[in-house]
Amino acid sequence: MNFQILAAASHTAPAEGDATTVALANDADALALPLDGVVRVDLYFPNFTDGRAFSQAYLLRRRRGFAGDIRATGDVLIDQLVQMQRTGFSSAVLKEGVDAADAQRQFERFRGFYQADAVQPKPIFSLEP
């Protein structure tokens, strides 16, 4: 799964009445979200210490089987991008003034993981060589 990094200016919030894009509140149950016709779910990080959106992304991707875009918005820090991808996010909106090249370098630092995650459901040691 390719992870897309977006500048704040290129992100458009879901329009009122648009049933294809949903903004899910932090305290909403991701397992109860109706997904018929939805192609993008925006999950909001109100601050860097609030990680509920990580759990919501994982539930949407793994338990619900959502194949559309799960987008991180709000207080998105570049050092959290790799974990965002591993929990099921497919895109993230950077805060104003954050360099996209700096953000992309995070993925070059970590090329593999021993544990399973939302992207790779099997641990690395159980994969065929």
N, C-alpha and C. Protein backbone atom coordinates (compact mmCIF):
# COMPACT_ATOMS: atom_id res chain seq x y z
N MET A 1 0.85 -1.17 0.00
CA MET A 1 0.00 0.00 0.00
C MET A 1 0.90 1.24 0.00
N ASN A 2 0.74 2.09 -0.96
CA ASN A 2 1.49 3.34 -1.02
C ASN A 2 0.85 4.35 -0.09
N PHE A 3 1.70 5.06 0.62
CA PHE A 3 1.24 6.07 1.56
C PHE A 3 1.40 7.43 0.91
N GLN A 4 0.32 8.21 0.88
CA GLN A 4 0.34 9.51 0.23
C GLN A 4 0.46 10.61 1.28
N ILE A 5 1.42 11.49 1.08
CA ILE A 5 1.63 12.63 1.98
C ILE A 5 1.10 13.88 1.28
N LEU A 6 0.17 14.57 1.93
CA LEU A 6 -0.48 15.74 1.35
C LEU A 6 -0.12 17.00 2.11
N ALA A 7 0.09 18.08 1.37
CA ALA A 7 0.27 19.39 2.00
C ALA A 7 -1.09 19.87 2.49
N ALA A 8 -1.08 20.69 3.53
CA ALA A 8 -2.33 21.18 4.10
C ALA A 8 -3.19 21.88 3.06
N ALA A 9 -2.57 22.60 2.13
CA ALA A 9 -3.32 23.35 1.11
C ALA A 9 -4.02 22.44 0.09
N SER A 10 -3.55 21.21 -0.05
CA SER A 10 -4.14 20.34 -1.06
C SER A 10 -5.25 19.44 -0.50
N HIS A 11 -5.49 19.53 0.79
CA HIS A 11 -6.54 18.71 1.41
C HIS A 11 -7.88 19.46 1.41
N THR A 12 -8.91 18.76 1.04
CA THR A 12 -10.26 19.29 1.09
C THR A 12 -11.07 18.46 2.06
N ALA A 13 -11.64 19.08 3.06
CA ALA A 13 -12.48 18.38 4.02
C ALA A 13 -13.73 17.88 3.33
N PRO A 14 -14.36 16.84 3.88
CA PRO A 14 -15.59 16.33 3.28
C PRO A 14 -16.67 17.42 3.19
N ALA A 15 -17.30 17.50 2.04
CA ALA A 15 -18.36 18.48 1.82
C ALA A 15 -19.66 17.99 2.46
N GLU A 16 -20.45 18.92 2.90
CA GLU A 16 -21.75 18.58 3.48
C GLU A 16 -22.59 17.83 2.45
N GLY A 17 -23.12 16.69 2.86
CA GLY A 17 -23.95 15.90 1.97
C GLY A 17 -23.18 14.92 1.09
N ASP A 18 -21.85 14.95 1.13
CA ASP A 18 -21.03 14.02 0.35
C ASP A 18 -20.97 12.69 1.09
N ALA A 19 -21.65 11.68 0.55
CA ALA A 19 -21.70 10.38 1.21
C ALA A 19 -20.48 9.52 0.90
N THR A 20 -19.60 9.96 0.00
CA THR A 20 -18.43 9.16 -0.36
C THR A 20 -17.23 9.45 0.54
N THR A 21 -17.25 10.57 1.24
CA THR A 21 -16.16 10.95 2.14
C THR A 21 -16.75 11.26 3.51
N VAL A 22 -16.18 10.62 4.54
CA VAL A 22 -16.71 10.76 5.89
C VAL A 22 -15.60 11.23 6.82
N ALA A 23 -15.90 12.18 7.68
CA ALA A 23 -15.00 12.59 8.75
C ALA A 23 -15.51 11.94 10.04
N LEU A 24 -14.72 11.04 10.60
CA LEU A 24 -15.14 10.30 11.79
C LEU A 24 -14.56 10.97 13.04
N ALA A 25 -15.41 11.28 13.98
CA ALA A 25 -14.97 11.90 15.23
C ALA A 25 -14.14 10.91 16.05
N ASN A 26 -13.26 11.43 16.89
CA ASN A 26 -12.38 10.59 17.71
C ASN A 26 -13.13 9.62 18.61
N ASP A 27 -14.25 10.07 19.12
CA ASP A 27 -14.98 9.23 20.06
C ASP A 27 -16.05 8.36 19.39
N ALA A 28 -16.08 8.36 18.06
CA ALA A 28 -17.06 7.54 17.33
C ALA A 28 -16.57 6.09 17.21
N ASP A 29 -17.50 5.18 17.13
CA ASP A 29 -17.19 3.76 17.00
C ASP A 29 -16.93 3.44 15.53
N ALA A 30 -15.71 3.10 15.19
CA ALA A 30 -15.35 2.78 13.80
C ALA A 30 -16.05 1.52 13.32
N LEU A 31 -16.43 0.64 14.24
CA LEU A 31 -17.11 -0.59 13.84
C LEU A 31 -18.57 -0.35 13.48
N ALA A 32 -19.13 0.79 13.89
CA ALA A 32 -20.52 1.10 13.61
C ALA A 32 -20.70 2.02 12.40
N LEU A 33 -19.62 2.49 11.82
CA LEU A 33 -19.70 3.43 10.70
C LEU A 33 -20.24 2.74 9.45
N PRO A 34 -21.34 3.26 8.85
CA PRO A 34 -21.82 2.68 7.60
C PRO A 34 -20.82 3.00 6.47
N LEU A 35 -20.37 1.98 5.75
CA LEU A 35 -19.34 2.16 4.74
C LEU A 35 -19.84 2.01 3.30
N ASP A 36 -21.13 1.79 3.10
CA ASP A 36 -21.65 1.65 1.75
C ASP A 36 -21.42 2.93 0.95
N GLY A 37 -20.66 2.82 -0.14
CA GLY A 37 -20.39 3.94 -1.02
C GLY A 37 -19.29 4.87 -0.54
N VAL A 38 -18.70 4.60 0.62
CA VAL A 38 -17.64 5.46 1.15
C VAL A 38 -16.31 5.10 0.51
N VAL A 39 -15.58 6.10 0.03
CA VAL A 39 -14.27 5.87 -0.58
C VAL A 39 -13.14 6.48 0.25
N ARG A 40 -13.48 7.41 1.17
CA ARG A 40 -12.45 8.01 2.02
C ARG A 40 -13.02 8.28 3.41
N VAL A 41 -12.23 7.94 4.43
CA VAL A 41 -12.58 8.24 5.81
C VAL A 41 -11.46 9.11 6.38
N ASP A 42 -11.81 10.30 6.86
CA ASP A 42 -10.86 11.19 7.51
C ASP A 42 -10.91 10.95 9.01
N LEU A 43 -9.74 10.67 9.59
CA LEU A 43 -9.63 10.48 11.03
C LEU A 43 -8.79 11.62 11.59
N TYR A 44 -9.25 12.19 12.67
CA TYR A 44 -8.68 13.43 13.19
C TYR A 44 -7.82 13.21 14.44
N PHE A 45 -6.62 13.78 14.42
CA PHE A 45 -5.74 13.81 15.58
C PHE A 45 -5.83 15.22 16.19
N PRO A 46 -6.56 15.41 17.31
CA PRO A 46 -6.68 16.75 17.89
C PRO A 46 -5.36 17.26 18.46
N ASN A 47 -4.51 16.35 18.93
CA ASN A 47 -3.16 16.69 19.39
C ASN A 47 -2.32 15.42 19.34
N PHE A 48 -1.02 15.57 19.45
CA PHE A 48 -0.15 14.42 19.26
C PHE A 48 -0.25 13.38 20.37
N THR A 49 -0.84 13.71 21.50
CA THR A 49 -0.97 12.74 22.59
C THR A 49 -2.27 11.93 22.50
N ASP A 50 -3.12 12.24 21.56
CA ASP A 50 -4.40 11.53 21.40
C ASP A 50 -4.28 10.54 20.25
N GLY A 51 -4.17 9.27 20.56
CA GLY A 51 -3.95 8.25 19.54
C GLY A 51 -5.16 7.42 19.17
N ARG A 52 -6.35 7.88 19.50
CA ARG A 52 -7.55 7.09 19.19
C ARG A 52 -7.71 6.84 17.70
N ALA A 53 -7.25 7.75 16.86
CA ALA A 53 -7.38 7.57 15.41
C ALA A 53 -6.56 6.38 14.92
N PHE A 54 -5.46 6.04 15.60
CA PHE A 54 -4.70 4.84 15.24
C PHE A 54 -5.58 3.60 15.38
N SER A 55 -6.29 3.51 16.48
CA SER A 55 -7.18 2.36 16.71
C SER A 55 -8.32 2.34 15.70
N GLN A 56 -8.89 3.50 15.41
CA GLN A 56 -9.97 3.57 14.44
C GLN A 56 -9.50 3.10 13.07
N ALA A 57 -8.31 3.52 12.66
CA ALA A 57 -7.78 3.12 11.35
C ALA A 57 -7.59 1.61 11.30
N TYR A 58 -7.03 1.05 12.35
CA TYR A 58 -6.79 -0.39 12.39
C TYR A 58 -8.10 -1.17 12.30
N LEU A 59 -9.10 -0.71 13.04
CA LEU A 59 -10.40 -1.38 13.02
C LEU A 59 -11.05 -1.29 11.63
N LEU A 60 -10.97 -0.13 11.02
CA LEU A 60 -11.55 0.03 9.67
C LEU A 60 -10.85 -0.88 8.67
N ARG A 61 -9.53 -0.91 8.71
CA ARG A 61 -8.76 -1.66 7.72
C ARG A 61 -8.83 -3.16 7.94
N ARG A 62 -8.61 -3.61 9.17
CA ARG A 62 -8.52 -5.04 9.43
C ARG A 62 -9.85 -5.69 9.77
N ARG A 63 -10.62 -5.08 10.64
CA ARG A 63 -11.86 -5.72 11.07
C ARG A 63 -12.99 -5.48 10.10
N ARG A 64 -13.04 -4.28 9.51
CA ARG A 64 -14.11 -3.95 8.59
C ARG A 64 -13.73 -4.23 7.14
N GLY A 65 -12.46 -4.39 6.84
CA GLY A 65 -12.01 -4.67 5.48
C GLY A 65 -12.14 -3.48 4.55
N PHE A 66 -12.12 -2.27 5.09
CA PHE A 66 -12.26 -1.07 4.27
C PHE A 66 -11.04 -0.92 3.39
N ALA A 67 -11.26 -0.81 2.08
CA ALA A 67 -10.16 -0.74 1.12
C ALA A 67 -9.93 0.67 0.59
N GLY A 68 -10.74 1.62 0.99
CA GLY A 68 -10.59 3.00 0.52
C GLY A 68 -9.50 3.75 1.25
N ASP A 69 -9.47 5.05 1.04
CA ASP A 69 -8.46 5.93 1.63
C ASP A 69 -8.83 6.23 3.08
N ILE A 70 -7.91 5.94 3.99
CA ILE A 70 -8.05 6.37 5.39
C ILE A 70 -7.02 7.47 5.59
N ARG A 71 -7.50 8.68 5.84
CA ARG A 71 -6.64 9.87 5.85
C ARG A 71 -6.49 10.44 7.26
N ALA A 72 -5.25 10.69 7.65
CA ALA A 72 -4.95 11.33 8.94
C ALA A 72 -4.99 12.85 8.76
N THR A 73 -5.73 13.52 9.63
CA THR A 73 -5.82 14.97 9.61
C THR A 73 -5.56 15.50 11.02
N GLY A 74 -5.36 16.79 11.13
CA GLY A 74 -5.17 17.41 12.44
C GLY A 74 -3.70 17.54 12.78
N ASP A 75 -3.34 17.19 14.01
CA ASP A 75 -1.97 17.34 14.51
C ASP A 75 -1.14 16.13 14.07
N VAL A 76 -0.81 16.09 12.79
CA VAL A 76 -0.05 14.99 12.19
C VAL A 76 1.44 15.34 12.28
N LEU A 77 2.18 14.52 13.01
CA LEU A 77 3.62 14.70 13.14
C LEU A 77 4.35 13.74 12.22
N ILE A 78 5.47 14.18 11.65
CA ILE A 78 6.16 13.31 10.69
C ILE A 78 6.73 12.07 11.35
N ASP A 79 7.05 12.11 12.63
CA ASP A 79 7.59 10.91 13.27
C ASP A 79 6.50 9.87 13.56
N GLN A 80 5.25 10.18 13.30
CA GLN A 80 4.16 9.23 13.47
C GLN A 80 3.70 8.61 12.15
N LEU A 81 4.23 9.06 11.02
CA LEU A 81 3.74 8.62 9.72
C LEU A 81 3.91 7.13 9.48
N VAL A 82 5.05 6.58 9.86
CA VAL A 82 5.27 5.14 9.65
C VAL A 82 4.26 4.33 10.45
N GLN A 83 4.03 4.71 11.70
CA GLN A 83 3.04 4.01 12.51
C GLN A 83 1.63 4.19 11.94
N MET A 84 1.37 5.36 11.38
CA MET A 84 0.07 5.57 10.74
C MET A 84 -0.14 4.57 9.61
N GLN A 85 0.87 4.42 8.76
CA GLN A 85 0.75 3.46 7.67
C GLN A 85 0.56 2.04 8.21
N ARG A 86 1.31 1.69 9.22
CA ARG A 86 1.23 0.33 9.77
C ARG A 86 -0.12 0.03 10.40
N THR A 87 -0.84 1.04 10.87
CA THR A 87 -2.15 0.82 11.48
C THR A 87 -3.30 0.95 10.49
N GLY A 88 -2.98 1.28 9.22
CA GLY A 88 -4.04 1.26 8.21
C GLY A 88 -4.26 2.55 7.46
N PHE A 89 -3.64 3.64 7.87
CA PHE A 89 -3.80 4.89 7.12
C PHE A 89 -3.16 4.74 5.74
N SER A 90 -3.74 5.40 4.76
CA SER A 90 -3.17 5.40 3.41
C SER A 90 -2.74 6.80 2.98
N SER A 91 -3.10 7.82 3.75
CA SER A 91 -2.67 9.18 3.46
C SER A 91 -2.68 10.01 4.74
N ALA A 92 -1.92 11.11 4.69
CA ALA A 92 -1.86 12.02 5.83
C ALA A 92 -1.71 13.44 5.33
N VAL A 93 -2.36 14.35 6.02
CA VAL A 93 -2.28 15.78 5.69
C VAL A 93 -1.30 16.43 6.67
N LEU A 94 -0.21 16.96 6.13
CA LEU A 94 0.79 17.61 6.97
C LEU A 94 0.30 18.98 7.42
N LYS A 95 0.77 19.38 8.60
CA LYS A 95 0.45 20.72 9.08
C LYS A 95 1.15 21.74 8.21
N GLU A 96 0.62 22.94 8.20
CA GLU A 96 1.21 24.05 7.45
C GLU A 96 2.66 24.23 7.85
N GLY A 97 3.55 24.36 6.87
CA GLY A 97 4.95 24.61 7.13
C GLY A 97 5.82 23.37 7.28
N VAL A 98 5.23 22.17 7.27
CA VAL A 98 6.00 20.93 7.38
C VAL A 98 6.44 20.51 5.98
N ASP A 99 7.71 20.19 5.83
CA ASP A 99 8.29 19.82 4.55
C ASP A 99 7.94 18.37 4.19
N ALA A 100 7.33 18.17 3.05
CA ALA A 100 6.94 16.83 2.59
C ALA A 100 8.15 15.93 2.38
N ALA A 101 9.29 16.50 1.97
CA ALA A 101 10.50 15.69 1.78
C ALA A 101 10.99 15.14 3.11
N ASP A 102 10.93 15.93 4.16
CA ASP A 102 11.29 15.45 5.49
C ASP A 102 10.36 14.31 5.92
N ALA A 103 9.10 14.47 5.62
CA ALA A 103 8.12 13.44 5.97
C ALA A 103 8.38 12.15 5.21
N GLN A 104 8.68 12.24 3.94
CA GLN A 104 8.92 11.06 3.11
C GLN A 104 10.14 10.28 3.59
N ARG A 105 11.14 10.97 4.11
CA ARG A 105 12.35 10.30 4.60
C ARG A 105 12.07 9.34 5.75
N GLN A 106 10.98 9.53 6.45
CA GLN A 106 10.64 8.61 7.54
C GLN A 106 10.47 7.19 7.02
N PHE A 107 9.94 7.04 5.83
CA PHE A 107 9.71 5.71 5.27
C PHE A 107 11.00 5.06 4.79
N GLU A 108 12.01 5.85 4.50
CA GLU A 108 13.31 5.31 4.10
C GLU A 108 14.09 4.80 5.30
N ARG A 109 13.81 5.30 6.47
CA ARG A 109 14.52 4.90 7.69
C ARG A 109 14.11 3.52 8.17
N PHE A 110 12.88 3.15 7.97
CA PHE A 110 12.35 1.89 8.48
C PHE A 110 11.82 1.07 7.31
N ARG A 111 12.58 0.08 6.90
CA ARG A 111 12.21 -0.69 5.70
C ARG A 111 11.47 -1.98 6.01
N GLY A 112 11.50 -2.45 7.23
CA GLY A 112 10.82 -3.69 7.56
C GLY A 112 10.57 -3.79 9.06
N PHE A 113 9.64 -4.64 9.42
CA PHE A 113 9.25 -4.81 10.81
C PHE A 113 9.03 -6.29 11.10
N TYR A 114 9.36 -6.71 12.29
CA TYR A 114 9.16 -8.10 12.68
C TYR A 114 7.68 -8.41 12.93
N GLN A 115 6.96 -7.44 13.49
CA GLN A 115 5.58 -7.68 13.87
C GLN A 115 4.64 -7.54 12.67
N ALA A 116 3.51 -8.21 12.78
CA ALA A 116 2.43 -8.04 11.80
C ALA A 116 1.76 -6.70 12.06
N ASP A 117 1.05 -6.18 11.05
CA ASP A 117 0.32 -4.94 11.20
C ASP A 117 -0.84 -4.92 10.21
N ALA A 118 -1.48 -3.78 10.04
CA ALA A 118 -2.63 -3.69 9.14
C ALA A 118 -2.24 -3.85 7.68
N VAL A 119 -1.01 -3.49 7.34
CA VAL A 119 -0.54 -3.60 5.96
C VAL A 119 -0.03 -5.01 5.68
N GLN A 120 0.78 -5.55 6.58
CA GLN A 120 1.34 -6.90 6.45
C GLN A 120 0.79 -7.75 7.60
N PRO A 121 -0.26 -8.55 7.33
CA PRO A 121 -0.93 -9.28 8.41
C PRO A 121 -0.14 -10.45 8.99
N LYS A 122 0.99 -10.82 8.37
CA LYS A 122 1.82 -11.89 8.90
C LYS A 122 3.16 -11.32 9.36
N PRO A 123 3.70 -11.85 10.46
CA PRO A 123 5.02 -11.39 10.89
C PRO A 123 6.09 -11.78 9.85
N ILE A 124 7.16 -11.04 9.82
CA ILE A 124 8.19 -11.23 8.80
C ILE A 124 8.79 -12.63 8.80
N PHE A 125 8.90 -13.24 9.97
CA PHE A 125 9.51 -14.57 10.03
C PHE A 125 8.62 -15.68 9.49
N SER A 126 7.33 -15.39 9.27
CA SER A 126 6.43 -16.40 8.73
C SER A 126 6.22 -16.26 7.21
N LEU A 127 6.85 -15.28 6.62
CA LEU A 127 6.71 -15.07 5.18
C LEU A 127 7.65 -15.99 4.42
N GLU A 128 7.24 -16.38 3.24
CA GLU A 128 8.08 -17.22 2.39
C GLU A 128 9.30 -16.41 1.93
N PRO A 129 10.48 -17.04 1.89
CA PRO A 129 11.68 -16.32 1.43
C PRO A 129 11.64 -16.00 -0.04
